[in-house]
PDB file of N, CA and C in Angstrom:
ATOM      1  N   MET A   1      -2.551   7.597  -7.896  1.00  0.00           N
ATOM      2  CA  MET A   1      -0.834   8.432  -7.884  1.00  0.00           C
ATOM      3  C   MET A   1       0.831   7.605  -8.074  1.00  0.00           C
ATOM      4  N   ALA A   2       1.415   8.177  -8.585  1.00  0.00           N
ATOM      5  CA  ALA A   2       2.178   7.334  -8.860  1.00  0.00           C
ATOM      6  C   ALA A   2       3.251   7.744  -7.974  1.00  0.00           C
ATOM      7  N   VAL A   3       2.636   8.619  -6.756  1.00  0.00           N
ATOM      8  CA  VAL A   3       4.080   8.637  -5.166  1.00  0.00           C
ATOM      9  C   VAL A   3       3.457   9.031  -4.386  1.00  0.00           C
ATOM     10  N   THR A   4       4.220   7.852  -3.179  1.00  0.00           N
ATOM     11  CA  THR A   4       3.469   7.970  -2.020  1.00  0.00           C
ATOM     12  C   THR A   4       4.649   8.546  -1.352  1.00  0.00           C
ATOM     13  N   LEU A   5       4.696   9.794  -0.249  1.00  0.00           N
ATOM     14  CA  LEU A   5       5.781  10.022   0.254  1.00  0.00           C
ATOM     15  C   LEU A   5       5.203   9.796   1.586  1.00  0.00           C
ATOM     16  N   THR A   6       5.961   8.853   2.714  1.00  0.00           N
ATOM     17  CA  THR A   6       5.151   8.493   3.849  1.00  0.00           C
ATOM     18  C   THR A   6       4.800  10.224   4.396  1.00  0.00           C
ATOM     19  N   GLU A   7       4.308   9.471   6.346  1.00  0.00           N
ATOM     20  CA  GLU A   7       4.928  10.695   7.242  1.00  0.00           C
ATOM     21  C   GLU A   7       5.235  11.114   7.449  1.00  0.00           C
ATOM     22  N   LYS A   8       6.527  10.743   7.994  1.00  0.00           N
ATOM     23  CA  LYS A   8       8.530  11.113   8.254  1.00  0.00           C
ATOM     24  C   LYS A   8       8.558  11.759   7.062  1.00  0.00           C
ATOM     25  N   ALA A   9       8.599  11.085   5.288  1.00  0.00           N
ATOM     26  CA  ALA A   9       8.845  11.828   4.279  1.00  0.00           C
ATOM     27  C   ALA A   9       8.666  12.996   4.944  1.00  0.00           C
ATOM     28  N   ALA A  10       7.405  12.872   4.495  1.00  0.00           N
ATOM     29  CA  ALA A  10       6.745  14.673   4.337  1.00  0.00           C
ATOM     30  C   ALA A  10       7.395  15.260   5.166  1.00  0.00           C
ATOM     31  N   ASN A  11       7.292  14.935   6.963  1.00  0.00           N
ATOM     32  CA  ASN A  11       7.630  16.381   7.507  1.00  0.00           C
ATOM     33  C   ASN A  11       8.695  16.991   7.050  1.00  0.00           C
ATOM     34  N   ALA A  12       9.708  15.650   6.663  1.00  0.00           N
ATOM     35  CA  ALA A  12      11.142  16.045   6.533  1.00  0.00           C
ATOM     36  C   ALA A  12      10.974  17.604   5.506  1.00  0.00           C
ATOM     37  N   VAL A  13      10.185  16.589   4.564  1.00  0.00           N
ATOM     38  CA  VAL A  13      10.053  18.034   3.342  1.00  0.00           C
ATOM     39  C   VAL A  13       9.704  19.848   3.724  1.00  0.00           C
ATOM     40  N   LYS A  14       8.441  18.971   4.554  1.00  0.00           N
ATOM     41  CA  LYS A  14       8.318  20.590   5.144  1.00  0.00           C
ATOM     42  C   LYS A  14       9.257  21.469   6.121  1.00  0.00           C
ATOM     43  N   GLN A  15       9.806  20.622   6.709  1.00  0.00           N
ATOM     44  CA  GLN A  15      11.127  21.121   7.214  1.00  0.00           C
ATOM     45  C   GLN A  15      12.169  21.200   6.162  1.00  0.00           C
ATOM     46  N   ILE A  16      12.880  20.881   5.278  1.00  0.00           N
ATOM     47  CA  ILE A  16      13.099  20.897   4.622  1.00  0.00           C
ATOM     48  C   ILE A  16      12.529  22.993   3.176  1.00  0.00           C
ATOM     49  N   MET A  17      11.722  22.324   3.263  1.00  0.00           N
ATOM     50  CA  MET A  17      11.355  23.748   2.453  1.00  0.00           C
ATOM     51  C   MET A  17      10.627  25.135   3.364  1.00  0.00           C
ATOM     52  N   GLU A  18      10.686  24.608   4.574  1.00  0.00           N
ATOM     53  CA  GLU A  18      10.966  26.337   5.170  1.00  0.00           C
ATOM     54  C   GLU A  18      11.686  26.621   5.825  1.00  0.00           C
ATOM     55  N   ARG A  19      12.543  26.156   5.855  1.00  0.00           N
ATOM     56  CA  ARG A  19      13.952  26.506   6.137  1.00  0.00           C
ATOM     57  C   ARG A  19      14.899  27.496   5.185  1.00  0.00           C
ATOM     58  N   GLU A  20      14.788  26.419   3.813  1.00  0.00           N
ATOM     59  CA  GLU A  20      14.664  27.036   2.176  1.00  0.00           C
ATOM     60  C   GLU A  20      13.662  28.227   2.011  1.00  0.00           C
ATOM     61  N   ILE A  21      12.778  28.645   2.144  1.00  0.00           N
ATOM     62  CA  ILE A  21      11.333  29.329   1.901  1.00  0.00           C
ATOM     63  C   ILE A  21      12.798  30.904   3.335  1.00  0.00           C
ATOM     64  N   GLN A  22      12.956  30.650   5.009  1.00  0.00           N
ATOM     65  CA  GLN A  22      13.870  31.439   4.964  1.00  0.00           C
ATOM     66  C   GLN A  22      14.197  31.959   5.150  1.00  0.00           C
ATOM     67  N   ALA A  23      15.618  31.178   4.720  1.00  0.00           N
ATOM     68  CA  ALA A  23      16.866  31.252   3.913  1.00  0.00           C
ATOM     69  C   ALA A  23      16.772  31.573   2.363  1.00  0.00           C
ATOM     70  N   GLY A  24      15.896  32.126   2.131  1.00  0.00           N
ATOM     71  CA  GLY A  24      15.157  33.379   0.317  1.00  0.00           C
ATOM     72  C   GLY A  24      16.246  32.864  -0.244  1.00  0.00           C
ATOM     73  N   ARG A  25      16.193  30.567   0.067  1.00  0.00           N
ATOM     74  CA  ARG A  25      16.554  30.422  -1.345  1.00  0.00           C
ATOM     75  C   ARG A  25      15.304  29.776  -1.697  1.00  0.00           C
ATOM     76  N   LEU A  26      14.050  29.780  -1.841  1.00  0.00           N
ATOM     77  CA  LEU A  26      12.906  28.442  -2.240  1.00  0.00           C
ATOM     78  C   LEU A  26      11.571  30.034  -1.784  1.00  0.00           C
ATOM     79  N   GLU A  27      10.537  30.258  -2.939  1.00  0.00           N
ATOM     80  CA  GLU A  27       9.978  31.086  -2.951  1.00  0.00           C
ATOM     81  C   GLU A  27       9.068  30.775  -2.777  1.00  0.00           C
ATOM     82  N   PRO A  28       7.578  30.771  -1.699  1.00  0.00           N
ATOM     83  CA  PRO A  28       6.799  30.077  -1.105  1.00  0.00           C
ATOM     84  C   PRO A  28       5.621  29.947  -2.302  1.00  0.00           C
ATOM     85  N   GLY A  29       5.497  29.273  -2.115  1.00  0.00           N
ATOM     86  CA  GLY A  29       3.698  28.200  -3.354  1.00  0.00           C
ATOM     87  C   GLY A  29       4.684  28.006  -4.402  1.00  0.00           C
ATOM     88  N   ALA A  30       6.519  26.948  -3.989  1.00  0.00           N
ATOM     89  CA  ALA A  30       7.082  25.537  -4.371  1.00  0.00           C
ATOM     90  C   ALA A  30       6.485  24.171  -4.437  1.00  0.00           C
ATOM     91  N   PHE A  31       6.649  23.542  -5.040  1.00  0.00           N
ATOM     92  CA  PHE A  31       6.182  22.018  -4.351  1.00  0.00           C
ATOM     93  C   PHE A  31       7.233  21.121  -4.808  1.00  0.00           C
ATOM     94  N   LEU A  32       7.424  20.198  -4.428  1.00  0.00           N
ATOM     95  CA  LEU A  32       8.164  18.419  -4.281  1.00  0.00           C
ATOM     96  C   LEU A  32       8.137  17.999  -6.074  1.00  0.00           C
ATOM     97  N   ARG A  33       9.019  18.225  -6.901  1.00  0.00           N
ATOM     98  CA  ARG A  33       8.913  17.683  -8.078  1.00  0.00           C
ATOM     99  C   ARG A  33      10.091  15.916  -7.854  1.00  0.00           C
ATOM    100  N   VAL A  34       8.690  15.040  -7.885  1.00  0.00           N
ATOM    101  CA  VAL A  34       9.744  13.923  -7.968  1.00  0.00           C
ATOM    102  C   VAL A  34       9.917  12.878  -9.245  1.00  0.00           C
ATOM    103  N   GLY A  35      10.712  12.794  -9.207  1.00  0.00           N
ATOM    104  CA  GLY A  35      11.507  12.022 -10.935  1.00  0.00           C
ATOM    105  C   GLY A  35      11.659  11.306 -11.290  1.00  0.00           C
ATOM    106  N   VAL A  36      12.655  10.676 -12.735  1.00  0.00           N
ATOM    107  CA  VAL A  36      13.554  10.210 -12.352  1.00  0.00           C
ATOM    108  C   VAL A  36      14.521  11.090 -13.766  1.00  0.00           C
ATOM    109  N   THR A  37      15.407   9.829 -13.870  1.00  0.00           N
ATOM    110  CA  THR A  37      16.378  10.837 -14.958  1.00  0.00           C
ATOM    111  C   THR A  37      17.983   9.526 -15.991  1.00  0.00           C
ATOM    112  N   GLY A  38      18.051   9.607 -17.220  1.00  0.00           N
ATOM    113  CA  GLY A  38      18.560   8.499 -17.333  1.00  0.00           C
ATOM    114  C   GLY A  38      19.779   8.474 -16.384  1.00  0.00           C
ATOM    115  N   GLY A  39      20.383   7.419 -16.035  1.00  0.00           N
ATOM    116  CA  GLY A  39      21.842   7.097 -15.199  1.00  0.00           C
ATOM    117  C   GLY A  39      22.526   6.204 -14.530  1.00  0.00           C
ATOM    118  N   GLY A  40      23.430   6.704 -13.572  1.00  0.00           N
ATOM    119  CA  GLY A  40      23.604   6.222 -12.457  1.00  0.00           C
ATOM    120  C   GLY A  40      23.711   4.395 -12.630  1.00  0.00           C
ATOM    121  N   CYS A  41      24.447   4.006 -11.602  1.00  0.00           N
ATOM    122  CA  CYS A  41      25.127   3.211 -12.114  1.00  0.00           C
ATOM    123  C   CYS A  41      24.321   1.368 -12.473  1.00  0.00           C
ATOM    124  N   SER A  42      22.880   1.954 -12.409  1.00  0.00           N
ATOM    125  CA  SER A  42      21.451   0.825 -12.957  1.00  0.00           C
ATOM    126  C   SER A  42      20.723   1.192 -13.897  1.00  0.00           C
ATOM    127  N   GLY A  43      21.128   2.513 -14.617  1.00  0.00           N
ATOM    128  CA  GLY A  43      20.119   2.851 -14.883  1.00  0.00           C
ATOM    129  C   GLY A  43      19.597   4.085 -15.500  1.00  0.00           C
ATOM    130  N   PHE A  44      18.334   3.909 -14.071  1.00  0.00           N
ATOM    131  CA  PHE A  44      17.687   5.669 -14.032  1.00  0.00           C
ATOM    132  C   PHE A  44      18.275   5.871 -12.166  1.00  0.00           C
ATOM    133  N   THR A  45      18.128   7.162 -12.155  1.00  0.00           N
ATOM    134  CA  THR A  45      18.078   8.177 -10.924  1.00  0.00           C
ATOM    135  C   THR A  45      17.321   8.161 -10.291  1.00  0.00           C
ATOM    136  N   TYR A  46      16.624   8.188  -9.419  1.00  0.00           N
ATOM    137  CA  TYR A  46      14.904   9.135  -9.053  1.00  0.00           C
ATOM    138  C   TYR A  46      16.578  10.709  -8.285  1.00  0.00           C
ATOM    139  N   SER A  47      15.013  11.868  -9.009  1.00  0.00           N
ATOM    140  CA  SER A  47      14.903  12.612  -8.446  1.00  0.00           C
ATOM    141  C   SER A  47      14.397  13.543  -7.462  1.00  0.00           C
ATOM    142  N   LEU A  48      14.818  14.408  -6.800  1.00  0.00           N
ATOM    143  CA  LEU A  48      13.665  15.304  -5.909  1.00  0.00           C
ATOM    144  C   LEU A  48      14.348  17.052  -6.127  1.00  0.00           C
ATOM    145  N   GLY A  49      13.145  17.287  -5.690  1.00  0.00           N
ATOM    146  CA  GLY A  49      13.816  18.561  -5.777  1.00  0.00           C
ATOM    147  C   GLY A  49      13.114  19.988  -6.426  1.00  0.00           C
ATOM    148  N   PHE A  50      12.930  21.118  -5.183  1.00  0.00           N
ATOM    149  CA  PHE A  50      11.303  21.312  -5.456  1.00  0.00           C
ATOM    150  C   PHE A  50      11.770  22.545  -6.750  1.00  0.00           C
ATOM    151  N   ASP A  51      10.422  23.096  -7.124  1.00  0.00           N
ATOM    152  CA  ASP A  51      10.190  23.679  -8.007  1.00  0.00           C
ATOM    153  C   ASP A  51       8.926  24.493  -7.879  1.00  0.00           C
ATOM    154  N   LYS A  52       8.501  25.551  -9.006  1.00  0.00           N
ATOM    155  CA  LYS A  52       7.620  26.767  -9.161  1.00  0.00           C
ATOM    156  C   LYS A  52       6.820  25.864 -11.124  1.00  0.00           C
ATOM    157  N   THR A  53       7.669  25.420 -11.416  1.00  0.00           N
ATOM    158  CA  THR A  53       7.208  25.413 -12.997  1.00  0.00           C
ATOM    159  C   THR A  53       6.753  24.101 -13.312  1.00  0.00           C
ATOM    160  N   LEU A  54       5.048  24.493 -13.231  1.00  0.00           N
ATOM    161  CA  LEU A  54       4.031  23.226 -13.816  1.00  0.00           C
ATOM    162  C   LEU A  54       3.529  23.448 -14.937  1.00  0.00           C
ATOM    163  N   ASP A  55       3.717  22.644 -15.914  1.00  0.00           N
ATOM    164  CA  ASP A  55       2.997  22.387 -16.661  1.00  0.00           C
ATOM    165  C   ASP A  55       1.540  21.098 -17.172  1.00  0.00           C
ATOM    166  N   GLU A  56       0.544  21.450 -17.816  1.00  0.00           N
ATOM    167  CA  GLU A  56      -0.388  21.219 -16.640  1.00  0.00           C
ATOM    168  C   GLU A  56      -0.801  19.633 -17.863  1.00  0.00           C
ATOM    169  N   LYS A  57      -0.029  19.847 -19.040  1.00  0.00           N
ATOM    170  CA  LYS A  57      -0.357  18.959 -20.120  1.00  0.00           C
ATOM    171  C   LYS A  57       1.139  17.401 -19.642  1.00  0.00           C
ATOM    172  N   LEU A  58       1.860  18.036 -19.309  1.00  0.00           N
ATOM    173  CA  LEU A  58       3.343  17.071 -18.857  1.00  0.00           C
ATOM    174  C   LEU A  58       3.878  16.602 -17.189  1.00  0.00           C
ATOM    175  N   ASP A  59       2.830  17.270 -16.482  1.00  0.00           N
ATOM    176  CA  ASP A  59       2.910  17.127 -15.041  1.00  0.00           C
ATOM    177  C   ASP A  59       1.743  16.236 -14.155  1.00  0.00           C
ATOM    178  N   SER A  60       1.487  15.526 -13.568  1.00  0.00           N
ATOM    179  CA  SER A  60       0.737  15.669 -12.321  1.00  0.00           C
ATOM    180  C   SER A  60       1.091  16.213 -11.227  1.00  0.00           C
ATOM    181  N   ARG A  61      -0.153  16.888 -10.297  1.00  0.00           N
ATOM    182  CA  ARG A  61      -0.517  17.822  -8.665  1.00  0.00           C
ATOM    183  C   ARG A  61      -0.921  17.198  -8.071  1.00  0.00           C
ATOM    184  N   TYR A  62      -0.603  17.208  -6.959  1.00  0.00           N
ATOM    185  CA  TYR A  62      -1.642  16.592  -6.021  1.00  0.00           C
ATOM    186  C   TYR A  62      -0.079  16.715  -5.072  1.00  0.00           C
ATOM    187  N   GLU A  63      -1.469  15.772  -3.717  1.00  0.00           N
ATOM    188  CA  GLU A  63      -1.175  16.720  -1.896  1.00  0.00           C
ATOM    189  C   GLU A  63      -1.117  15.582  -1.422  1.00  0.00           C
ATOM    190  N   CYS A  64      -0.033  15.275  -0.895  1.00  0.00           N
ATOM    191  CA  CYS A  64       0.610  14.099  -0.043  1.00  0.00           C
ATOM    192  C   CYS A  64       0.833  14.787   1.611  1.00  0.00           C
ATOM    193  N   HIS A  65      -0.080  14.518   2.340  1.00  0.00           N
ATOM    194  CA  HIS A  65       0.356  14.888   3.788  1.00  0.00           C
ATOM    195  C   HIS A  65       0.759  15.882   4.068  1.00  0.00           C
ATOM    196  N   GLY A  66       0.188  17.099   3.171  1.00  0.00           N
ATOM    197  CA  GLY A  66       0.463  18.632   3.104  1.00  0.00           C
ATOM    198  C   GLY A  66       1.468  18.603   1.769  1.00  0.00           C
ATOM    199  N   VAL A  67       1.845  18.163   1.460  1.00  0.00           N
ATOM    200  CA  VAL A  67       3.070  18.247   0.505  1.00  0.00           C
ATOM    201  C   VAL A  67       2.523  18.700  -0.717  1.00  0.00           C
ATOM    202  N   PRO A  68       2.862  19.647  -1.753  1.00  0.00           N
ATOM    203  CA  PRO A  68       2.540  19.397  -3.485  1.00  0.00           C
ATOM    204  C   PRO A  68       3.506  18.640  -3.219  1.00  0.00           C
ATOM    205  N   VAL A  69       3.382  18.131  -4.812  1.00  0.00           N
ATOM    206  CA  VAL A  69       3.605  17.113  -5.282  1.00  0.00           C
ATOM    207  C   VAL A  69       3.395  16.914  -6.572  1.00  0.00           C
ATOM    208  N   VAL A  70       4.359  16.885  -7.197  1.00  0.00           N
ATOM    209  CA  VAL A  70       5.311  16.384  -8.867  1.00  0.00           C
ATOM    210  C   VAL A  70       5.383  15.303  -9.939  1.00  0.00           C
ATOM    211  N   VAL A  71       4.924  14.597 -10.317  1.00  0.00           N
ATOM    212  CA  VAL A  71       6.081  14.391 -11.532  1.00  0.00           C
ATOM    213  C   VAL A  71       5.797  14.125 -12.783  1.00  0.00           C
ATOM    214  N   ASP A  72       6.280  14.469 -13.287  1.00  0.00           N
ATOM    215  CA  ASP A  72       6.247  14.484 -15.136  1.00  0.00           C
ATOM    216  C   ASP A  72       5.293  12.259 -15.490  1.00  0.00           C
ATOM    217  N   LYS A  73       4.527  12.890 -16.248  1.00  0.00           N
ATOM    218  CA  LYS A  73       3.884  12.096 -16.618  1.00  0.00           C
ATOM    219  C   LYS A  73       4.890  10.683 -17.098  1.00  0.00           C
ATOM    220  N   LYS A  74       6.246  11.234 -17.675  1.00  0.00           N
ATOM    221  CA  LYS A  74       7.975  10.014 -18.258  1.00  0.00           C
ATOM    222  C   LYS A  74       7.936   9.490 -16.977  1.00  0.00           C
ATOM    223  N   SER A  75       7.877   9.820 -16.099  1.00  0.00           N
ATOM    224  CA  SER A  75       8.684   9.129 -14.915  1.00  0.00           C
ATOM    225  C   SER A  75       7.649   8.409 -14.316  1.00  0.00           C
ATOM    226  N   ALA A  76       6.467   9.530 -14.687  1.00  0.00           N
ATOM    227  CA  ALA A  76       5.473   8.336 -13.549  1.00  0.00           C
ATOM    228  C   ALA A  76       5.437   6.822 -13.826  1.00  0.00           C
ATOM    229  N   LEU A  77       5.170   7.017 -14.842  1.00  0.00           N
ATOM    230  CA  LEU A  77       5.924   5.409 -15.662  1.00  0.00           C
ATOM    231  C   LEU A  77       6.295   3.853 -15.144  1.00  0.00           C
ATOM    232  N   TYR A  78       7.571   5.188 -15.074  1.00  0.00           N
ATOM    233  CA  TYR A  78       8.601   4.119 -13.639  1.00  0.00           C
ATOM    234  C   TYR A  78       8.483   4.283 -11.995  1.00  0.00           C
ATOM    235  N   LEU A  79       8.032   5.543 -11.493  1.00  0.00           N
ATOM    236  CA  LEU A  79       7.245   5.539 -10.326  1.00  0.00           C
ATOM    237  C   LEU A  79       5.738   5.261  -9.973  1.00  0.00           C
ATOM    238  N   ASP A  80       5.480   4.808 -10.435  1.00  0.00           N
ATOM    239  CA  ASP A  80       3.369   4.072 -10.225  1.00  0.00           C
ATOM    240  C   ASP A  80       4.027   3.020  -8.680  1.00  0.00           C
ATOM    241  N   GLY A  81       2.883   3.727  -7.826  1.00  0.00           N
ATOM    242  CA  GLY A  81       3.424   3.217  -6.589  1.00  0.00           C
ATOM    243  C   GLY A  81       4.323   2.646  -5.962  1.00  0.00           C
ATOM    244  N   THR A  82       5.378   3.879  -6.141  1.00  0.00           N
ATOM    245  CA  THR A  82       7.011   4.315  -5.498  1.00  0.00           C
ATOM    246  C   THR A  82       5.872   5.229  -4.167  1.00  0.00           C
ATOM    247  N   THR A  83       6.996   4.351  -2.973  1.00  0.00           N
ATOM    248  CA  THR A  83       6.332   5.106  -1.801  1.00  0.00           C
ATOM    249  C   THR A  83       8.417   5.514  -1.574  1.00  0.00           C
ATOM    250  N   VAL A  84       8.086   7.316  -1.472  1.00  0.00           N
ATOM    251  CA  VAL A  84       9.203   7.869  -0.616  1.00  0.00           C
ATOM    252  C   VAL A  84       9.426   7.893   0.955  1.00  0.00           C
ATOM    253  N   ASP A  85      10.643   7.216   1.412  1.00  0.00           N
ATOM    254  CA  ASP A  85      10.170   7.006   3.106  1.00  0.00           C
ATOM    255  C   ASP A  85      12.084   8.542   3.405  1.00  0.00           C
ATOM    256  N   TYR A  86      11.845   8.686   4.686  1.00  0.00           N
ATOM    257  CA  TYR A  86      12.836   9.194   5.308  1.00  0.00           C
ATOM    258  C   TYR A  86      13.443   8.192   6.258  1.00  0.00           C
ATOM    259  N   TYR A  87      14.694   8.278   6.209  1.00  0.00           N
ATOM    260  CA  TYR A  87      15.488   8.344   7.038  1.00  0.00           C
ATOM    261  C   TYR A  87      16.721   7.925   7.538  1.00  0.00           C
ATOM    262  N   ASP A  88      16.212   8.000   8.383  1.00  0.00           N
ATOM    263  CA  ASP A  88      17.724   9.700  10.149  1.00  0.00           C
ATOM    264  C   ASP A  88      18.038   8.512  10.840  1.00  0.00           C
ATOM    265  N   GLY A  89      18.976   7.675   9.691  1.00  0.00           N
ATOM    266  CA  GLY A  89      20.402   7.011  11.713  1.00  0.00           C
ATOM    267  C   GLY A  89      21.435   7.385  11.857  1.00  0.00           C
ATOM    268  N   ILE A  90      21.890   6.949  12.943  1.00  0.00           N
ATOM    269  CA  ILE A  90      22.803   7.052  12.943  1.00  0.00           C
ATOM    270  C   ILE A  90      24.688   7.172  11.899  1.00  0.00           C
ATOM    271  N   GLU A  91      23.488   5.745  10.752  1.00  0.00           N
ATOM    272  CA  GLU A  91      24.982   5.226   9.943  1.00  0.00           C
ATOM    273  C   GLU A  91      25.140   6.056   8.688  1.00  0.00           C
ATOM    274  N   LYS A  92      23.367   7.018   8.480  1.00  0.00           N
ATOM    275  CA  LYS A  92      23.075   7.033   6.667  1.00  0.00           C
ATOM    276  C   LYS A  92      21.842   8.276   7.651  1.00  0.00           C
ATOM    277  N   GLN A  93      21.106   8.966   6.601  1.00  0.00           N
ATOM    278  CA  GLN A  93      20.386   9.685   6.879  1.00  0.00           C
ATOM    279  C   GLN A  93      20.048  10.148   5.392  1.00  0.00           C
ATOM    280  N   GLY A  94      18.261   9.820   5.091  1.00  0.00           N
ATOM    281  CA  GLY A  94      18.193  10.841   3.762  1.00  0.00           C
ATOM    282  C   GLY A  94      17.419   9.681   3.230  1.00  0.00           C
ATOM    283  N   PHE A  95      16.291  10.867   2.061  1.00  0.00           N
ATOM    284  CA  PHE A  95      14.581  10.034   1.890  1.00  0.00           C
ATOM    285  C   PHE A  95      16.334   8.506   0.754  1.00  0.00           C
ATOM    286  N   THR A  96      14.535   7.581   1.102  1.00  0.00           N
ATOM    287  CA  THR A  96      14.501   6.401   0.999  1.00  0.00           C
ATOM    288  C   THR A  96      13.365   5.760  -0.518  1.00  0.00           C
ATOM    289  N   PHE A  97      13.393   5.268  -1.762  1.00  0.00           N
ATOM    290  CA  PHE A  97      12.310   4.988  -2.233  1.00  0.00           C
ATOM    291  C   PHE A  97      11.551   3.196  -2.328  1.00  0.00           C
ATOM    292  N   ASP A  98      11.504   3.566  -2.057  1.00  0.00           N
ATOM    293  CA  ASP A  98      10.625   2.047  -2.364  1.00  0.00           C
ATOM    294  C   ASP A  98       9.865   1.784  -3.740  1.00  0.00           C
ATOM    295  N   ASN A  99      10.659   1.333  -4.987  1.00  0.00           N
ATOM    296  CA  ASN A  99       9.594   1.439  -6.182  1.00  0.00           C
ATOM    297  C   ASN A  99       9.592   0.166  -6.363  1.00  0.00           C
ATOM    298  N   PRO A 100       7.806  -0.916  -7.121  1.00  0.00           N
ATOM    299  CA  PRO A 100       8.405  -1.970  -6.958  1.00  0.00           C
ATOM    300  C   PRO A 100       8.048  -2.618  -8.480  1.00  0.00           C
ATOM    301  N   ASN A 101       8.669  -1.340  -9.353  1.00  0.00           N
ATOM    302  CA  ASN A 101       8.879  -1.295 -10.650  1.00  0.00           C
ATOM    303  C   ASN A 101      10.410  -1.873 -10.935  1.00  0.00           C
ATOM    304  N   ALA A 102      10.859  -1.262  -9.996  1.00  0.00           N
ATOM    305  CA  ALA A 102      12.414  -1.943 -10.311  1.00  0.00           C
ATOM    306  C   ALA A 102      12.536  -3.351  -9.918  1.00  0.00           C
ATOM    307  N   VAL A 103      13.006  -3.299 -11.211  1.00  0.00           N
ATOM    308  CA  VAL A 103      13.765  -4.566 -11.059  1.00  0.00           C
ATOM    309  C   VAL A 103      15.174  -5.410 -10.391  1.00  0.00           C
ATOM    310  N   ARG A 104      15.838  -4.053 -10.560  1.00  0.00           N
ATOM    311  CA  ARG A 104      16.762  -4.616  -9.856  1.00  0.00           C
ATOM    312  C   ARG A 104      17.514  -3.008  -9.446  1.00  0.00           C
ATOM    313  N   SER A 105      18.390  -3.152  -8.575  1.00  0.00           N
ATOM    314  CA  SER A 105      18.875  -1.550  -7.601  1.00  0.00           C
ATOM    315  C   SER A 105      20.787  -1.418  -7.933  1.00  0.00           C
ATOM    316  N   CYS A 106      21.113  -0.679  -7.191  1.00  0.00           N
ATOM    317  CA  CYS A 106      22.075  -0.463  -7.048  1.00  0.00           C
ATOM    318  C   CYS A 106      21.799  -0.491  -4.934  1.00  0.00           C
ATOM    319  N   GLY A 107      23.059  -0.555  -4.990  1.00  0.00           N
ATOM    320  CA  GLY A 107      23.946  -0.951  -3.272  1.00  0.00           C
ATOM    321  C   GLY A 107      23.282   0.314  -2.629  1.00  0.00           C
ATOM    322  N   CYS A 108      23.703   1.380  -3.030  1.00  0.00           N
ATOM    323  CA  CYS A 108      23.295   2.715  -2.620  1.00  0.00           C
ATOM    324  C   CYS A 108      21.925   2.941  -2.596  1.00  0.00           C
ATOM    325  N   GLY A 109      20.997   2.384  -3.110  1.00  0.00           N
ATOM    326  CA  GLY A 109      19.712   2.914  -3.059  1.00  0.00           C
ATOM    327  C   GLY A 109      19.307   4.045  -4.062  1.00  0.00           C
ATOM    328  N   SER A 110      20.256   4.603  -4.681  1.00  0.00           N
ATOM    329  CA  SER A 110      19.787   5.667  -5.955  1.00  0.00           C
ATOM    330  C   SER A 110      19.089   5.465  -6.783  1.00  0.00           C
ATOM    331  N   SER A 111      19.929   4.586  -8.061  1.00  0.00           N
ATOM    332  CA  SER A 111      19.432   3.925  -9.039  1.00  0.00           C
ATOM    333  C   SER A 111      19.197   2.811  -9.330  1.00  0.00           C
ATOM    334  N   PHE A 112      18.490   2.398  -9.964  1.00  0.00           N
ATOM    335  CA  PHE A 112      17.752   1.689 -10.313  1.00  0.00           C
ATOM    336  C   PHE A 112      17.281   1.123 -12.001  1.00  0.00           C
ATOM    337  N   SER A 113      17.139  -0.154 -12.440  1.00  0.00           N
ATOM    338  CA  SER A 113      16.450  -0.580 -13.553  1.00  0.00           C
ATOM    339  C   SER A 113      15.181  -1.430 -13.920  1.00  0.00           C
ATOM    340  N   ALA A 114      14.524  -0.832 -14.960  1.00  0.00           N
ATOM    341  CA  ALA A 114      12.987  -1.555 -14.530  1.00  0.00           C
ATOM    342  C   ALA A 114      12.978  -1.841 -15.496  1.00  0.00           C
TER     343      ALA A 114
END
């Protein structure tokens, strides 16, 4: 499994999905897509989003704490062993990535180099 969600992250994703479905901005049956894109101050940027399009040849799909997760196979090379957590503190709030493949990351934690 390339990416693992902590229980706290999974609960945050479920809450966001439910809110987006109720608001009509997300269709039921959507999943969380986790990936990397080129860019950011360190070379790669993490990406999280909801999607309904799945390519069986290019994507891996699994479930983590009740959340359907999809990672494309190219991103999986950079994300293998990554844990996504959710931080909710007084100074900041959001998803964090603990990526054992990251050689270096930026101060904001949203980009890395491998």
